[in-house]
C-alpha atoms as a PDB file:
ATOM      1  CA  MET A   1     -11.303 -40.330  89.446  1.00  0.00           C
ATOM      2  CA  ASP A   2     -11.197 -36.776  88.066  1.00  0.00           C
ATOM      3  CA  GLU A   3     -13.591 -35.902  85.272  1.00  0.00           C
ATOM      4  CA  ASP A   4     -10.785 -35.319  82.763  1.00  0.00           C
ATOM      5  CA  GLU A   5      -9.433 -38.854  83.480  1.00  0.00           C
ATOM      6  CA  TYR A   6     -12.595 -40.524  82.279  1.00  0.00           C
ATOM      7  CA  GLN A   7     -11.999 -42.902  79.420  1.00  0.00           C
ATOM      8  CA  PRO A   8     -15.183 -43.779  77.454  1.00  0.00           C
ATOM      9  CA  GLU A   9     -15.782 -47.445  76.765  1.00  0.00           C
ATOM     10  CA  GLU A  10     -17.209 -46.775  73.329  1.00  0.00           C
ATOM     11  CA  GLU A  11     -15.411 -45.166  70.394  1.00  0.00           C
ATOM     12  CA  GLU A  12     -17.064 -44.025  67.180  1.00  0.00           C
ATOM     13  CA  GLN A  13     -15.885 -44.311  63.555  1.00  0.00           C
ATOM     14  CA  SER A  14     -17.326 -42.906  60.329  1.00  0.00           C
ATOM     15  CA  LEU A  15     -17.525 -45.425  57.503  1.00  0.00           C
ATOM     16  CA  TYR A  16     -19.480 -45.939  54.282  1.00  0.00           C
ATOM     17  CA  CYS A  17     -22.270 -48.470  53.919  1.00  0.00           C
ATOM     18  CA  PRO A  18     -21.241 -51.086  51.304  1.00  0.00           C
ATOM     19  CA  TYR A  19     -24.812 -51.158  50.008  1.00  0.00           C
ATOM     20  CA  CYS A  20     -26.055 -47.549  49.760  1.00  0.00           C
ATOM     21  CA  GLY A  21     -22.759 -45.641  50.102  1.00  0.00           C
ATOM     22  CA  GLU A  22     -24.027 -43.352  52.844  1.00  0.00           C
ATOM     23  CA  THR A  23     -21.724 -42.228  55.632  1.00  0.00           C
ATOM     24  CA  VAL A  24     -22.572 -44.116  58.848  1.00  0.00           C
ATOM     25  CA  GLU A  25     -21.305 -43.982  62.371  1.00  0.00           C
ATOM     26  CA  LEU A  26     -20.157 -47.272  63.880  1.00  0.00           C
ATOM     27  CA  ASP A  27     -20.074 -47.506  67.683  1.00  0.00           C
ATOM     28  CA  ILE A  28     -17.152 -49.596  68.916  1.00  0.00           C
ATOM     29  CA  ASP A  29     -17.577 -51.432  72.207  1.00  0.00           C
ATOM     30  CA  GLU A  30     -14.015 -51.370  73.493  1.00  0.00           C
ATOM     31  CA  GLY A  31     -15.008 -53.850  76.224  1.00  0.00           C
ATOM     32  CA  GLY A  32     -15.704 -56.479  73.554  1.00  0.00           C
ATOM     33  CA  GLY A  33     -12.073 -57.396  72.956  1.00  0.00           C
ATOM     34  CA  THR A  34      -9.422 -56.370  70.419  1.00  0.00           C
ATOM     35  CA  ARG A  35     -10.992 -58.466  67.607  1.00  0.00           C
ATOM     36  CA  GLN A  36     -14.739 -58.395  67.010  1.00  0.00           C
ATOM     37  CA  SER A  37     -16.965 -59.674  64.284  1.00  0.00           C
ATOM     38  CA  TYR A  38     -20.735 -59.282  64.145  1.00  0.00           C
ATOM     39  CA  VAL A  39     -23.716 -58.352  61.937  1.00  0.00           C
ATOM     40  CA  GLU A  40     -25.328 -54.914  62.148  1.00  0.00           C
ATOM     41  CA  ASP A  41     -28.006 -53.301  59.975  1.00  0.00           C
ATOM     42  CA  CYS A  42     -27.373 -50.031  58.157  1.00  0.00           C
ATOM     43  CA  PRO A  43     -29.395 -47.225  59.813  1.00  0.00           C
ATOM     44  CA  VAL A  44     -30.067 -45.734  56.366  1.00  0.00           C
ATOM     45  CA  CYS A  45     -30.967 -48.616  54.021  1.00  0.00           C
ATOM     46  CA  CYS A  46     -31.463 -51.402  56.634  1.00  0.00           C
ATOM     47  CA  GLN A  47     -29.222 -53.894  54.824  1.00  0.00           C
ATOM     48  CA  PRO A  48     -27.096 -56.170  57.044  1.00  0.00           C
ATOM     49  CA  TRP A  49     -23.354 -55.564  57.184  1.00  0.00           C
ATOM     50  CA  GLN A  50     -20.686 -57.976  58.315  1.00  0.00           C
ATOM     51  CA  VAL A  51     -18.610 -55.845  60.692  1.00  0.00           C
ATOM     52  CA  ASP A  52     -14.971 -56.835  61.382  1.00  0.00           C
ATOM     53  CA  LEU A  53     -13.062 -54.818  63.974  1.00  0.00           C
ATOM     54  CA  GLU A  54      -9.488 -55.059  65.075  1.00  0.00           C
ATOM     55  CA  GLN A  55      -7.507 -52.910  67.491  1.00  0.00           C
ATOM     56  CA  ASP A  56      -3.799 -52.535  66.832  1.00  0.00           C
ATOM     57  CA  ARG A  57      -1.066 -52.294  69.441  1.00  0.00           C
ATOM     58  CA  ASP A  58      -1.320 -48.500  69.510  1.00  0.00           C
ATOM     59  CA  GLY A  59      -4.994 -48.737  70.443  1.00  0.00           C
ATOM     60  CA  THR A  60      -6.267 -47.604  67.000  1.00  0.00           C
ATOM     61  CA  TRP A  61      -9.384 -49.371  65.763  1.00  0.00           C
ATOM     62  CA  HIS A  62      -9.687 -50.551  62.184  1.00  0.00           C
ATOM     63  CA  ALA A  63     -13.139 -51.448  60.894  1.00  0.00           C
ATOM     64  CA  THR A  64     -14.354 -53.155  57.750  1.00  0.00           C
ATOM     65  CA  LEU A  65     -17.974 -53.287  56.579  1.00  0.00           C
ATOM     66  CA  ARG A  66     -18.882 -55.975  54.037  1.00  0.00           C
ATOM     67  CA  THR A  67     -22.036 -57.093  52.390  1.00  0.00           C
ATOM     68  CA  SER A  68     -23.512 -60.362  53.598  1.00  0.00           C
ATOM     69  CA  ASP A  69     -22.647 -62.019  50.298  1.00  0.00           C
ATOM     70  CA  ASP A  70     -18.927 -61.061  50.268  1.00  0.00           C
END
């Protein structure tokens, strides 16, 4: 495989923490399937998010961060 053919298995998206409002980077594990749901702590305020990810047919990822009480 040529170096320019390499496809990373993780993609990154910038989102806003639903608690503190800070911009955060969310790493997407593309090997985890086209629909993913898990809990991750904010790296700024340490509050837990509910992360929901979905990949559309074009390969674009859509992420939603919610508070644990939503």
